[in-house]
Amino acid sequence: MDKDSATTAYGVVLVTASSQEEAEKIAQNLVQSRLAACVSLMPVHSIYTWQGKVNSEQEWQLVIKTDLAHFSTLEAKIRELHSYEVPEIIALPILAGSQPYLQWISDNVNEI
């Protein structure tokens, strides 16, 4: 393992969006601004409580691969672009991964 990857906090950030268009807009912006190396998008069906009411909605799940050292900047950018009052923004650490893939994340996310 090289020095960079030994100290990098790799992770995935989960975000749901109301539509494919919104999900793509957020994903494009994060990758173009080098806050994410990759964002995978998939349709999901969510059942959740909002303002005391149970809802059942079609949404789009974003799986954002990044260096979690950038989380606060990433979160601010998502909030800026997102239509939800309280968007899901959950970071999960990558505990282990293929070294070449982790290095690719490092190569494609801005340095602090």
PDB file of N, CA and C in Angstrom:
ATOM      1  N   MET A   1       0.845  -1.167   0.000  1.00  0.00           N
ATOM      2  CA  MET A   1       0.000   0.000   0.000  1.00  0.00           C
ATOM      3  C   MET A   1       0.893   1.234   0.000  1.00  0.00           C
ATOM      4  N   ASP A   2       0.605   2.201  -0.880  1.00  0.00           N
ATOM      5  CA  ASP A   2       1.438   3.388  -0.892  1.00  0.00           C
ATOM      6  C   ASP A   2       1.018   4.352   0.219  1.00  0.00           C
ATOM      7  N   LYS A   3       1.833   5.366   0.451  1.00  0.00           N
ATOM      8  CA  LYS A   3       1.625   6.277   1.571  1.00  0.00           C
ATOM      9  C   LYS A   3       0.261   6.969   1.494  1.00  0.00           C
ATOM     10  N   ASP A   4      -0.129   7.454   0.301  1.00  0.00           N
ATOM     11  CA  ASP A   4      -1.409   8.151   0.140  1.00  0.00           C
ATOM     12  C   ASP A   4      -2.581   7.291   0.552  1.00  0.00           C
ATOM     13  N   SER A   5      -2.643   6.074   0.037  1.00  0.00           N
ATOM     14  CA  SER A   5      -3.809   5.237   0.306  1.00  0.00           C
ATOM     15  C   SER A   5      -3.847   4.754   1.746  1.00  0.00           C
ATOM     16  N   ALA A   6      -2.713   4.747   2.429  1.00  0.00           N
ATOM     17  CA  ALA A   6      -2.707   4.332   3.827  1.00  0.00           C
ATOM     18  C   ALA A   6      -3.353   5.386   4.716  1.00  0.00           C
ATOM     19  N   THR A   7      -3.352   6.652   4.285  1.00  0.00           N
ATOM     20  CA  THR A   7      -3.898   7.732   5.096  1.00  0.00           C
ATOM     21  C   THR A   7      -5.210   8.276   4.556  1.00  0.00           C
ATOM     22  N   THR A   8      -5.664   7.825   3.420  1.00  0.00           N
ATOM     23  CA  THR A   8      -6.896   8.314   2.820  1.00  0.00           C
ATOM     24  C   THR A   8      -8.099   7.602   3.423  1.00  0.00           C
ATOM     25  N   ALA A   9      -9.134   8.360   3.715  1.00  0.00           N
ATOM     26  CA  ALA A   9     -10.373   7.805   4.275  1.00  0.00           C
ATOM     27  C   ALA A   9     -11.369   7.595   3.136  1.00  0.00           C
ATOM     28  N   TYR A  10     -11.212   6.486   2.427  1.00  0.00           N
ATOM     29  CA  TYR A  10     -12.123   6.194   1.318  1.00  0.00           C
ATOM     30  C   TYR A  10     -13.506   5.874   1.849  1.00  0.00           C
ATOM     31  N   GLY A  11     -14.528   6.226   1.069  1.00  0.00           N
ATOM     32  CA  GLY A  11     -15.879   5.909   1.497  1.00  0.00           C
ATOM     33  C   GLY A  11     -16.877   6.050   0.372  1.00  0.00           C
ATOM     34  N   VAL A  12     -18.084   5.623   0.673  1.00  0.00           N
ATOM     35  CA  VAL A  12     -19.216   5.855  -0.225  1.00  0.00           C
ATOM     36  C   VAL A  12     -20.211   6.725   0.537  1.00  0.00           C
ATOM     37  N   VAL A  13     -20.839   7.615  -0.189  1.00  0.00           N
ATOM     38  CA  VAL A  13     -21.852   8.484   0.380  1.00  0.00           C
ATOM     39  C   VAL A  13     -23.156   8.158  -0.329  1.00  0.00           C
ATOM     40  N   LEU A  14     -24.197   7.883   0.453  1.00  0.00           N
ATOM     41  CA  LEU A  14     -25.507   7.552  -0.092  1.00  0.00           C
ATOM     42  C   LEU A  14     -26.396   8.788  -0.064  1.00  0.00           C
ATOM     43  N   VAL A  15     -27.056   9.038  -1.192  1.00  0.00           N
ATOM     44  CA  VAL A  15     -27.976  10.160  -1.330  1.00  0.00           C
ATOM     45  C   VAL A  15     -29.151   9.664  -2.159  1.00  0.00           C
ATOM     46  N   THR A  16     -30.379  10.008  -1.765  1.00  0.00           N
ATOM     47  CA  THR A  16     -31.526   9.736  -2.625  1.00  0.00           C
ATOM     48  C   THR A  16     -31.992  11.052  -3.226  1.00  0.00           C
ATOM     49  N   ALA A  17     -32.515  10.962  -4.445  1.00  0.00           N
ATOM     50  CA  ALA A  17     -33.027  12.127  -5.159  1.00  0.00           C
ATOM     51  C   ALA A  17     -34.426  11.822  -5.681  1.00  0.00           C
ATOM     52  N   SER A  18     -35.174  12.869  -5.958  1.00  0.00           N
ATOM     53  CA  SER A  18     -36.580  12.717  -6.343  1.00  0.00           C
ATOM     54  C   SER A  18     -36.780  12.233  -7.777  1.00  0.00           C
ATOM     55  N   SER A  19     -35.761  12.409  -8.626  1.00  0.00           N
ATOM     56  CA  SER A  19     -35.918  12.033 -10.042  1.00  0.00           C
ATOM     57  C   SER A  19     -34.565  11.662 -10.634  1.00  0.00           C
ATOM     58  N   GLN A  20     -34.618  11.001 -11.769  1.00  0.00           N
ATOM     59  CA  GLN A  20     -33.384  10.657 -12.476  1.00  0.00           C
ATOM     60  C   GLN A  20     -32.648  11.928 -12.888  1.00  0.00           C
ATOM     61  N   GLU A  21     -33.379  12.925 -13.324  1.00  0.00           N
ATOM     62  CA  GLU A  21     -32.753  14.178 -13.763  1.00  0.00           C
ATOM     63  C   GLU A  21     -31.999  14.851 -12.615  1.00  0.00           C
ATOM     64  N   GLU A  22     -32.622  14.892 -11.437  1.00  0.00           N
ATOM     65  CA  GLU A  22     -31.952  15.498 -10.285  1.00  0.00           C
ATOM     66  C   GLU A  22     -30.716  14.688  -9.892  1.00  0.00           C
ATOM     67  N   ALA A  23     -30.847  13.369  -9.879  1.00  0.00           N
ATOM     68  CA  ALA A  23     -29.725  12.499  -9.538  1.00  0.00           C
ATOM     69  C   ALA A  23     -28.564  12.707 -10.515  1.00  0.00           C
ATOM     70  N   GLU A  24     -28.861  12.778 -11.801  1.00  0.00           N
ATOM     71  CA  GLU A  24     -27.811  12.982 -12.805  1.00  0.00           C
ATOM     72  C   GLU A  24     -27.155  14.345 -12.661  1.00  0.00           C
ATOM     73  N   LYS A  25     -27.948  15.368 -12.354  1.00  0.00           N
ATOM     74  CA  LYS A  25     -27.402  16.722 -12.168  1.00  0.00           C
ATOM     75  C   LYS A  25     -26.425  16.733 -10.989  1.00  0.00           C
ATOM     76  N   ILE A  26     -26.817  16.125  -9.888  1.00  0.00           N
ATOM     77  CA  ILE A  26     -25.937  16.069  -8.717  1.00  0.00           C
ATOM     78  C   ILE A  26     -24.680  15.269  -9.036  1.00  0.00           C
ATOM     79  N   ALA A  27     -24.848  14.097  -9.654  1.00  0.00           N
ATOM     80  CA  ALA A  27     -23.706  13.233  -9.982  1.00  0.00           C
ATOM     81  C   ALA A  27     -22.719  13.940 -10.905  1.00  0.00           C
ATOM     82  N   GLN A  28     -23.225  14.545 -11.970  1.00  0.00           N
ATOM     83  CA  GLN A  28     -22.350  15.249 -12.928  1.00  0.00           C
ATOM     84  C   GLN A  28     -21.557  16.344 -12.221  1.00  0.00           C
ATOM     85  N   ASN A  29     -22.230  17.107 -11.383  1.00  0.00           N
ATOM     86  CA  ASN A  29     -21.571  18.207 -10.695  1.00  0.00           C
ATOM     87  C   ASN A  29     -20.475  17.701  -9.761  1.00  0.00           C
ATOM     88  N   LEU A  30     -20.771  16.643  -9.005  1.00  0.00           N
ATOM     89  CA  LEU A  30     -19.775  16.117  -8.060  1.00  0.00           C
ATOM     90  C   LEU A  30     -18.545  15.568  -8.773  1.00  0.00           C
ATOM     91  N   VAL A  31     -18.753  14.864  -9.884  1.00  0.00           N
ATOM     92  CA  VAL A  31     -17.617  14.299 -10.621  1.00  0.00           C
ATOM     93  C   VAL A  31     -16.832  15.411 -11.320  1.00  0.00           C
ATOM     94  N   GLN A  32     -17.544  16.347 -11.962  1.00  0.00           N
ATOM     95  CA  GLN A  32     -16.854  17.439 -12.658  1.00  0.00           C
ATOM     96  C   GLN A  32     -16.062  18.317 -11.700  1.00  0.00           C
ATOM     97  N   SER A  33     -16.563  18.504 -10.489  1.00  0.00           N
ATOM     98  CA  SER A  33     -15.849  19.334  -9.513  1.00  0.00           C
ATOM     99  C   SER A  33     -14.814  18.532  -8.714  1.00  0.00           C
ATOM    100  N   ARG A  34     -14.666  17.256  -9.057  1.00  0.00           N
ATOM    101  CA  ARG A  34     -13.673  16.358  -8.456  1.00  0.00           C
ATOM    102  C   ARG A  34     -13.901  16.142  -6.955  1.00  0.00           C
ATOM    103  N   LEU A  35     -15.169  16.190  -6.552  1.00  0.00           N
ATOM    104  CA  LEU A  35     -15.527  15.818  -5.185  1.00  0.00           C
ATOM    105  C   LEU A  35     -15.822  14.332  -5.094  1.00  0.00           C
ATOM    106  N   ALA A  36     -16.031  13.698  -6.243  1.00  0.00           N
ATOM    107  CA  ALA A  36     -16.293  12.256  -6.322  1.00  0.00           C
ATOM    108  C   ALA A  36     -15.559  11.698  -7.523  1.00  0.00           C
ATOM    109  N   ALA A  37     -15.055  10.480  -7.383  1.00  0.00           N
ATOM    110  CA  ALA A  37     -14.418   9.799  -8.513  1.00  0.00           C
ATOM    111  C   ALA A  37     -15.473   9.176  -9.413  1.00  0.00           C
ATOM    112  N   CYS A  38     -16.585   8.728  -8.805  1.00  0.00           N
ATOM    113  CA  CYS A  38     -17.636   8.026  -9.537  1.00  0.00           C
ATOM    114  C   CYS A  38     -18.927   8.135  -8.737  1.00  0.00           C
ATOM    115  N   VAL A  39     -20.047   8.215  -9.450  1.00  0.00           N
ATOM    116  CA  VAL A  39     -21.360   8.152  -8.813  1.00  0.00           C
ATOM    117  C   VAL A  39     -22.196   7.147  -9.598  1.00  0.00           C
ATOM    118  N   SER A  40     -22.665   6.121  -8.914  1.00  0.00           N
ATOM    119  CA  SER A  40     -23.557   5.132  -9.536  1.00  0.00           C
ATOM    120  C   SER A  40     -24.988   5.515  -9.190  1.00  0.00           C
ATOM    121  N   LEU A  41     -25.876   5.383 -10.170  1.00  0.00           N
ATOM    122  CA  LEU A  41     -27.279   5.758  -9.998  1.00  0.00           C
ATOM    123  C   LEU A  41     -28.168   4.553 -10.234  1.00  0.00           C
ATOM    124  N   MET A  42     -29.221   4.423  -9.402  1.00  0.00           N
ATOM    125  CA  MET A  42     -30.172   3.340  -9.616  1.00  0.00           C
ATOM    126  C   MET A  42     -31.538   3.742  -9.068  1.00  0.00           C
ATOM    127  N   PRO A  43     -32.600   3.287  -9.718  1.00  0.00           N
ATOM    128  CA  PRO A  43     -33.934   3.574  -9.195  1.00  0.00           C
ATOM    129  C   PRO A  43     -34.200   2.736  -7.953  1.00  0.00           C
ATOM    130  N   VAL A  44     -34.880   3.332  -6.973  1.00  0.00           N
ATOM    131  CA  VAL A  44     -35.244   2.636  -5.740  1.00  0.00           C
ATOM    132  C   VAL A  44     -36.673   3.019  -5.367  1.00  0.00           C
ATOM    133  N   HIS A  45     -37.275   2.177  -4.557  1.00  0.00           N
ATOM    134  CA  HIS A  45     -38.586   2.497  -3.987  1.00  0.00           C
ATOM    135  C   HIS A  45     -38.381   2.698  -2.498  1.00  0.00           C
ATOM    136  N   SER A  46     -38.728   3.887  -2.004  1.00  0.00           N
ATOM    137  CA  SER A  46     -38.496   4.228  -0.603  1.00  0.00           C
ATOM    138  C   SER A  46     -39.817   4.364   0.146  1.00  0.00           C
ATOM    139  N   ILE A  47     -39.851   3.817   1.332  1.00  0.00           N
ATOM    140  CA  ILE A  47     -40.972   3.996   2.252  1.00  0.00           C
ATOM    141  C   ILE A  47     -40.387   4.674   3.479  1.00  0.00           C
ATOM    142  N   TYR A  48     -40.925   5.839   3.830  1.00  0.00           N
ATOM    143  CA  TYR A  48     -40.337   6.648   4.883  1.00  0.00           C
ATOM    144  C   TYR A  48     -41.401   7.514   5.544  1.00  0.00           C
ATOM    145  N   THR A  49     -41.086   8.011   6.720  1.00  0.00           N
ATOM    146  CA  THR A  49     -41.965   8.937   7.416  1.00  0.00           C
ATOM    147  C   THR A  49     -41.450  10.353   7.216  1.00  0.00           C
ATOM    148  N   TRP A  50     -42.333  11.245   6.807  1.00  0.00           N
ATOM    149  CA  TRP A  50     -41.981  12.656   6.669  1.00  0.00           C
ATOM    150  C   TRP A  50     -43.152  13.482   7.174  1.00  0.00           C
ATOM    151  N   GLN A  51     -42.880  14.351   8.123  1.00  0.00           N
ATOM    152  CA  GLN A  51     -43.873  15.223   8.734  1.00  0.00           C
ATOM    153  C   GLN A  51     -45.077  14.436   9.251  1.00  0.00           C
ATOM    154  N   GLY A  52     -44.780  13.313   9.919  1.00  0.00           N
ATOM    155  CA  GLY A  52     -45.804  12.513  10.559  1.00  0.00           C
ATOM    156  C   GLY A  52     -46.608  11.612   9.656  1.00  0.00           C
ATOM    157  N   LYS A  53     -46.261  11.564   8.380  1.00  0.00           N
ATOM    158  CA  LYS A  53     -47.005  10.753   7.417  1.00  0.00           C
ATOM    159  C   LYS A  53     -46.074   9.728   6.764  1.00  0.00           C
ATOM    160  N   VAL A  54     -46.558   8.483   6.621  1.00  0.00           N
ATOM    161  CA  VAL A  54     -45.782   7.455   5.924  1.00  0.00           C
ATOM    162  C   VAL A  54     -45.963   7.655   4.419  1.00  0.00           C
ATOM    163  N   ASN A  55     -44.844   7.726   3.708  1.00  0.00           N
ATOM    164  CA  ASN A  55     -44.837   7.944   2.261  1.00  0.00           C
ATOM    165  C   ASN A  55     -44.230   6.743   1.565  1.00  0.00           C
ATOM    166  N   SER A  56     -44.623   6.537   0.335  1.00  0.00           N
ATOM    167  CA  SER A  56     -44.080   5.478  -0.514  1.00  0.00           C
ATOM    168  C   SER A  56     -43.810   6.111  -1.874  1.00  0.00           C
ATOM    169  N   GLU A  57     -42.536   6.248  -2.215  1.00  0.00           N
ATOM    170  CA  GLU A  57     -42.153   7.011  -3.413  1.00  0.00           C
ATOM    171  C   GLU A  57     -41.069   6.311  -4.225  1.00  0.00           C
ATOM    172  N   GLN A  58     -41.084   6.553  -5.513  1.00  0.00           N
ATOM    173  CA  GLN A  58     -39.968   6.174  -6.380  1.00  0.00           C
ATOM    174  C   GLN A  58     -38.911   7.263  -6.244  1.00  0.00           C
ATOM    175  N   GLU A  59     -37.677   6.853  -6.030  1.00  0.00           N
ATOM    176  CA  GLU A  59     -36.556   7.791  -5.929  1.00  0.00           C
ATOM    177  C   GLU A  59     -35.364   7.218  -6.695  1.00  0.00           C
ATOM    178  N   TRP A  60     -34.301   7.990  -6.743  1.00  0.00           N
ATOM    179  CA  TRP A  60     -33.045   7.539  -7.345  1.00  0.00           C
ATOM    180  C   TRP A  60     -31.969   7.551  -6.276  1.00  0.00           C
ATOM    181  N   GLN A  61     -31.252   6.434  -6.178  1.00  0.00           N
ATOM    182  CA  GLN A  61     -30.166   6.291  -5.200  1.00  0.00           C
ATOM    183  C   GLN A  61     -28.844   6.634  -5.861  1.00  0.00           C
ATOM    184  N   LEU A  62     -28.088   7.521  -5.251  1.00  0.00           N
ATOM    185  CA  LEU A  62     -26.737   7.836  -5.686  1.00  0.00           C
ATOM    186  C   LEU A  62     -25.778   7.139  -4.736  1.00  0.00           C
ATOM    187  N   VAL A  63     -24.792   6.445  -5.285  1.00  0.00           N
ATOM    188  CA  VAL A  63     -23.718   5.833  -4.504  1.00  0.00           C
ATOM    189  C   VAL A  63     -22.440   6.549  -4.954  1.00  0.00           C
ATOM    190  N   ILE A  64     -21.942   7.408  -4.093  1.00  0.00           N
ATOM    191  CA  ILE A  64     -20.855   8.321  -4.428  1.00  0.00           C
ATOM    192  C   ILE A  64     -19.548   7.780  -3.849  1.00  0.00           C
ATOM    193  N   LYS A  65     -18.581   7.513  -4.712  1.00  0.00           N
ATOM    194  CA  LYS A  65     -17.270   7.025  -4.270  1.00  0.00           C
ATOM    195  C   LYS A  65     -16.324   8.209  -4.136  1.00  0.00           C
ATOM    196  N   THR A  66     -15.744   8.371  -2.939  1.00  0.00           N
ATOM    197  CA  THR A  66     -14.963   9.578  -2.681  1.00  0.00           C
ATOM    198  C   THR A  66     -13.931   9.354  -1.584  1.00  0.00           C
ATOM    199  N   ASP A  67     -13.190  10.407  -1.303  1.00  0.00           N
ATOM    200  CA  ASP A  67     -12.297  10.492  -0.153  1.00  0.00           C
ATOM    201  C   ASP A  67     -13.089  11.254   0.907  1.00  0.00           C
ATOM    202  N   LEU A  68     -13.369  10.620   2.035  1.00  0.00           N
ATOM    203  CA  LEU A  68     -14.217  11.229   3.056  1.00  0.00           C
ATOM    204  C   LEU A  68     -13.592  12.462   3.710  1.00  0.00           C
ATOM    205  N   ALA A  69     -12.344  12.736   3.440  1.00  0.00           N
ATOM    206  CA  ALA A  69     -11.741  13.984   3.899  1.00  0.00           C
ATOM    207  C   ALA A  69     -12.459  15.188   3.283  1.00  0.00           C
ATOM    208  N   HIS A  70     -13.160  14.964   2.184  1.00  0.00           N
ATOM    209  CA  HIS A  70     -13.897  16.019   1.475  1.00  0.00           C
ATOM    210  C   HIS A  70     -15.375  16.051   1.847  1.00  0.00           C
ATOM    211  N   PHE A  71     -15.769  15.307   2.892  1.00  0.00           N
ATOM    212  CA  PHE A  71     -17.197  15.162   3.177  1.00  0.00           C
ATOM    213  C   PHE A  71     -17.921  16.493   3.378  1.00  0.00           C
ATOM    214  N   SER A  72     -17.354  17.410   4.145  1.00  0.00           N
ATOM    215  CA  SER A  72     -18.074  18.662   4.417  1.00  0.00           C
ATOM    216  C   SER A  72     -18.309  19.469   3.139  1.00  0.00           C
ATOM    217  N   THR A  73     -17.342  19.509   2.239  1.00  0.00           N
ATOM    218  CA  THR A  73     -17.509  20.201   0.960  1.00  0.00           C
ATOM    219  C   THR A  73     -18.519  19.476   0.091  1.00  0.00           C
ATOM    220  N   LEU A  74     -18.433  18.148   0.063  1.00  0.00           N
ATOM    221  CA  LEU A  74     -19.372  17.318  -0.695  1.00  0.00           C
ATOM    222  C   LEU A  74     -20.798  17.534  -0.183  1.00  0.00           C
ATOM    223  N   GLU A  75     -20.979  17.496   1.133  1.00  0.00           N
ATOM    224  CA  GLU A  75     -22.304  17.702   1.717  1.00  0.00           C
ATOM    225  C   GLU A  75     -22.868  19.072   1.344  1.00  0.00           C
ATOM    226  N   ALA A  76     -22.057  20.112   1.437  1.00  0.00           N
ATOM    227  CA  ALA A  76     -22.508  21.466   1.090  1.00  0.00           C
ATOM    228  C   ALA A  76     -22.948  21.539  -0.371  1.00  0.00           C
ATOM    229  N   LYS A  77     -22.191  20.900  -1.265  1.00  0.00           N
ATOM    230  CA  LYS A  77     -22.540  20.917  -2.688  1.00  0.00           C
ATOM    231  C   LYS A  77     -23.847  20.165  -2.928  1.00  0.00           C
ATOM    232  N   ILE A  78     -24.028  19.019  -2.286  1.00  0.00           N
ATOM    233  CA  ILE A  78     -25.275  18.262  -2.442  1.00  0.00           C
ATOM    234  C   ILE A  78     -26.455  19.098  -1.950  1.00  0.00           C
ATOM    235  N   ARG A  79     -26.323  19.714  -0.783  1.00  0.00           N
ATOM    236  CA  ARG A  79     -27.409  20.550  -0.235  1.00  0.00           C
ATOM    237  C   ARG A  79     -27.756  21.693  -1.191  1.00  0.00           C
ATOM    238  N   GLU A  80     -26.744  22.270  -1.815  1.00  0.00           N
ATOM    239  CA  GLU A  80     -26.944  23.367  -2.766  1.00  0.00           C
ATOM    240  C   GLU A  80     -27.759  22.910  -3.976  1.00  0.00           C
ATOM    241  N   LEU A  81     -27.520  21.698  -4.443  1.00  0.00           N
ATOM    242  CA  LEU A  81     -28.139  21.200  -5.675  1.00  0.00           C
ATOM    243  C   LEU A  81     -29.443  20.431  -5.440  1.00  0.00           C
ATOM    244  N   HIS A  82     -29.694  19.997  -4.222  1.00  0.00           N
ATOM    245  CA  HIS A  82     -30.789  19.063  -3.922  1.00  0.00           C
ATOM    246  C   HIS A  82     -32.108  19.779  -3.687  1.00  0.00           C
ATOM    247  N   SER A  83     -33.219  19.159  -4.101  1.00  0.00           N
ATOM    248  CA  SER A  83     -34.541  19.759  -3.922  1.00  0.00           C
ATOM    249  C   SER A  83     -35.173  19.446  -2.571  1.00  0.00           C
ATOM    250  N   TYR A  84     -34.690  18.418  -1.861  1.00  0.00           N
ATOM    251  CA  TYR A  84     -35.294  18.045  -0.584  1.00  0.00           C
ATOM    252  C   TYR A  84     -34.893  19.010   0.517  1.00  0.00           C
ATOM    253  N   GLU A  85     -35.820  19.246   1.443  1.00  0.00           N
ATOM    254  CA  GLU A  85     -35.537  20.060   2.617  1.00  0.00           C
ATOM    255  C   GLU A  85     -34.493  19.380   3.505  1.00  0.00           C
ATOM    256  N   VAL A  86     -34.614  18.042   3.641  1.00  0.00           N
ATOM    257  CA  VAL A  86     -33.683  17.250   4.438  1.00  0.00           C
ATOM    258  C   VAL A  86     -33.224  16.049   3.596  1.00  0.00           C
ATOM    259  N   PRO A  87     -32.234  16.256   2.712  1.00  0.00           N
ATOM    260  CA  PRO A  87     -31.786  15.132   1.878  1.00  0.00           C
ATOM    261  C   PRO A  87     -31.007  14.095   2.681  1.00  0.00           C
ATOM    262  N   GLU A  88     -31.114  12.841   2.246  1.00  0.00           N
ATOM    263  CA  GLU A  88     -30.270  11.787   2.804  1.00  0.00           C
ATOM    264  C   GLU A  88     -28.844  12.043   2.335  1.00  0.00           C
ATOM    265  N   ILE A  89     -27.928  12.166   3.281  1.00  0.00           N
ATOM    266  CA  ILE A  89     -26.500  12.283   2.972  1.00  0.00           C
ATOM    267  C   ILE A  89     -25.791  11.485   4.057  1.00  0.00           C
ATOM    268  N   ILE A  90     -25.456  10.227   3.737  1.00  0.00           N
ATOM    269  CA  ILE A  90     -24.895   9.302   4.712  1.00  0.00           C
ATOM    270  C   ILE A  90     -23.560   8.781   4.188  1.00  0.00           C
ATOM    271  N   ALA A  91     -22.516   8.951   4.976  1.00  0.00           N
ATOM    272  CA  ALA A  91     -21.192   8.471   4.580  1.00  0.00           C
ATOM    273  C   ALA A  91     -20.886   7.140   5.252  1.00  0.00           C
ATOM    274  N   LEU A  92     -20.413   6.195   4.463  1.00  0.00           N
ATOM    275  CA  LEU A  92     -20.005   4.881   4.955  1.00  0.00           C
ATOM    276  C   LEU A  92     -18.540   4.661   4.594  1.00  0.00           C
ATOM    277  N   PRO A  93     -17.704   4.296   5.549  1.00  0.00           N
ATOM    278  CA  PRO A  93     -16.298   4.081   5.233  1.00  0.00           C
ATOM    279  C   PRO A  93     -16.097   2.799   4.427  1.00  0.00           C
ATOM    280  N   ILE A  94     -15.121   2.825   3.555  1.00  0.00           N
ATOM    281  CA  ILE A  94     -14.676   1.615   2.862  1.00  0.00           C
ATOM    282  C   ILE A  94     -13.559   1.038   3.738  1.00  0.00           C
ATOM    283  N   LEU A  95     -13.816  -0.095   4.347  1.00  0.00           N
ATOM    284  CA  LEU A  95     -12.846  -0.685   5.271  1.00  0.00           C
ATOM    285  C   LEU A  95     -11.719  -1.397   4.538  1.00  0.00           C
ATOM    286  N   ALA A  96     -12.022  -1.924   3.350  1.00  0.00           N
ATOM    287  CA  ALA A  96     -11.009  -2.595   2.533  1.00  0.00           C
ATOM    288  C   ALA A  96     -11.468  -2.501   1.081  1.00  0.00           C
ATOM    289  N   GLY A  97     -10.507  -2.520   0.178  1.00  0.00           N
ATOM    290  CA  GLY A  97     -10.837  -2.461  -1.243  1.00  0.00           C
ATOM    291  C   GLY A  97      -9.624  -2.787  -2.089  1.00  0.00           C
ATOM    292  N   SER A  98      -9.884  -3.015  -3.340  1.00  0.00           N
ATOM    293  CA  SER A  98      -8.816  -3.272  -4.302  1.00  0.00           C
ATOM    294  C   SER A  98      -7.894  -2.052  -4.365  1.00  0.00           C
ATOM    295  N   GLN A  99      -6.612  -2.262  -4.148  1.00  0.00           N
ATOM    296  CA  GLN A  99      -5.656  -1.157  -4.139  1.00  0.00           C
ATOM    297  C   GLN A  99      -5.694  -0.332  -5.424  1.00  0.00           C
ATOM    298  N   PRO A 100      -5.727  -0.951  -6.615  1.00  0.00           N
ATOM    299  CA  PRO A 100      -5.798  -0.123  -7.826  1.00  0.00           C
ATOM    300  C   PRO A 100      -7.067   0.740  -7.879  1.00  0.00           C
ATOM    301  N   TYR A 101      -8.197   0.203  -7.404  1.00  0.00           N
ATOM    302  CA  TYR A 101      -9.443   0.974  -7.405  1.00  0.00           C
ATOM    303  C   TYR A 101      -9.352   2.140  -6.410  1.00  0.00           C
ATOM    304  N   LEU A 102      -8.832   1.879  -5.224  1.00  0.00           N
ATOM    305  CA  LEU A 102      -8.693   2.938  -4.237  1.00  0.00           C
ATOM    306  C   LEU A 102      -7.734   4.021  -4.729  1.00  0.00           C
ATOM    307  N   GLN A 103      -6.685   3.625  -5.391  1.00  0.00           N
ATOM    308  CA  GLN A 103      -5.754   4.610  -5.952  1.00  0.00           C
ATOM    309  C   GLN A 103      -6.444   5.441  -7.023  1.00  0.00           C
ATOM    310  N   TRP A 104      -7.323   4.791  -7.825  1.00  0.00           N
ATOM    311  CA  TRP A 104      -8.096   5.523  -8.851  1.00  0.00           C
ATOM    312  C   TRP A 104      -8.985   6.575  -8.195  1.00  0.00           C
ATOM    313  N   ILE A 105      -9.617   6.248  -7.061  1.00  0.00           N
ATOM    314  CA  ILE A 105     -10.409   7.262  -6.344  1.00  0.00           C
ATOM    315  C   ILE A 105      -9.505   8.433  -5.977  1.00  0.00           C
ATOM    316  N   SER A 106      -8.351   8.142  -5.388  1.00  0.00           N
ATOM    317  CA  SER A 106      -7.401   9.211  -5.007  1.00  0.00           C
ATOM    318  C   SER A 106      -7.023  10.076  -6.195  1.00  0.00           C
ATOM    319  N   ASP A 107      -6.779   9.439  -7.318  1.00  0.00           N
ATOM    320  CA  ASP A 107      -6.349  10.160  -8.514  1.00  0.00           C
ATOM    321  C   ASP A 107      -7.430  11.065  -9.083  1.00  0.00           C
ATOM    322  N   ASN A 108      -8.691  10.806  -8.731  1.00  0.00           N
ATOM    323  CA  ASN A 108      -9.794  11.528  -9.341  1.00  0.00           C
ATOM    324  C   ASN A 108     -10.594  12.398  -8.381  1.00  0.00           C
ATOM    325  N   VAL A 109     -10.132  12.521  -7.139  1.00  0.00           N
ATOM    326  CA  VAL A 109     -10.752  13.408  -6.157  1.00  0.00           C
ATOM    327  C   VAL A 109      -9.717  14.460  -5.781  1.00  0.00           C
ATOM    328  N   ASN A 110     -10.148  15.726  -5.716  1.00  0.00           N
ATOM    329  CA  ASN A 110      -9.240  16.827  -5.375  1.00  0.00           C
ATOM    330  C   ASN A 110      -8.480  16.568  -4.096  1.00  0.00           C
ATOM    331  N   GLU A 111      -7.277  17.067  -4.038  1.00  0.00           N
ATOM    332  CA  GLU A 111      -6.518  17.023  -2.800  1.00  0.00           C
ATOM    333  C   GLU A 111      -6.895  18.230  -1.973  1.00  0.00           C
ATOM    334  N   ILE A 112      -6.811  18.051  -0.654  1.00  0.00           N
ATOM    335  CA  ILE A 112      -7.151  19.171   0.247  1.00  0.00           C
ATOM    336  C   ILE A 112      -5.990  20.129   0.353  1.00  0.00           C
TER     337      ILE A 112
END
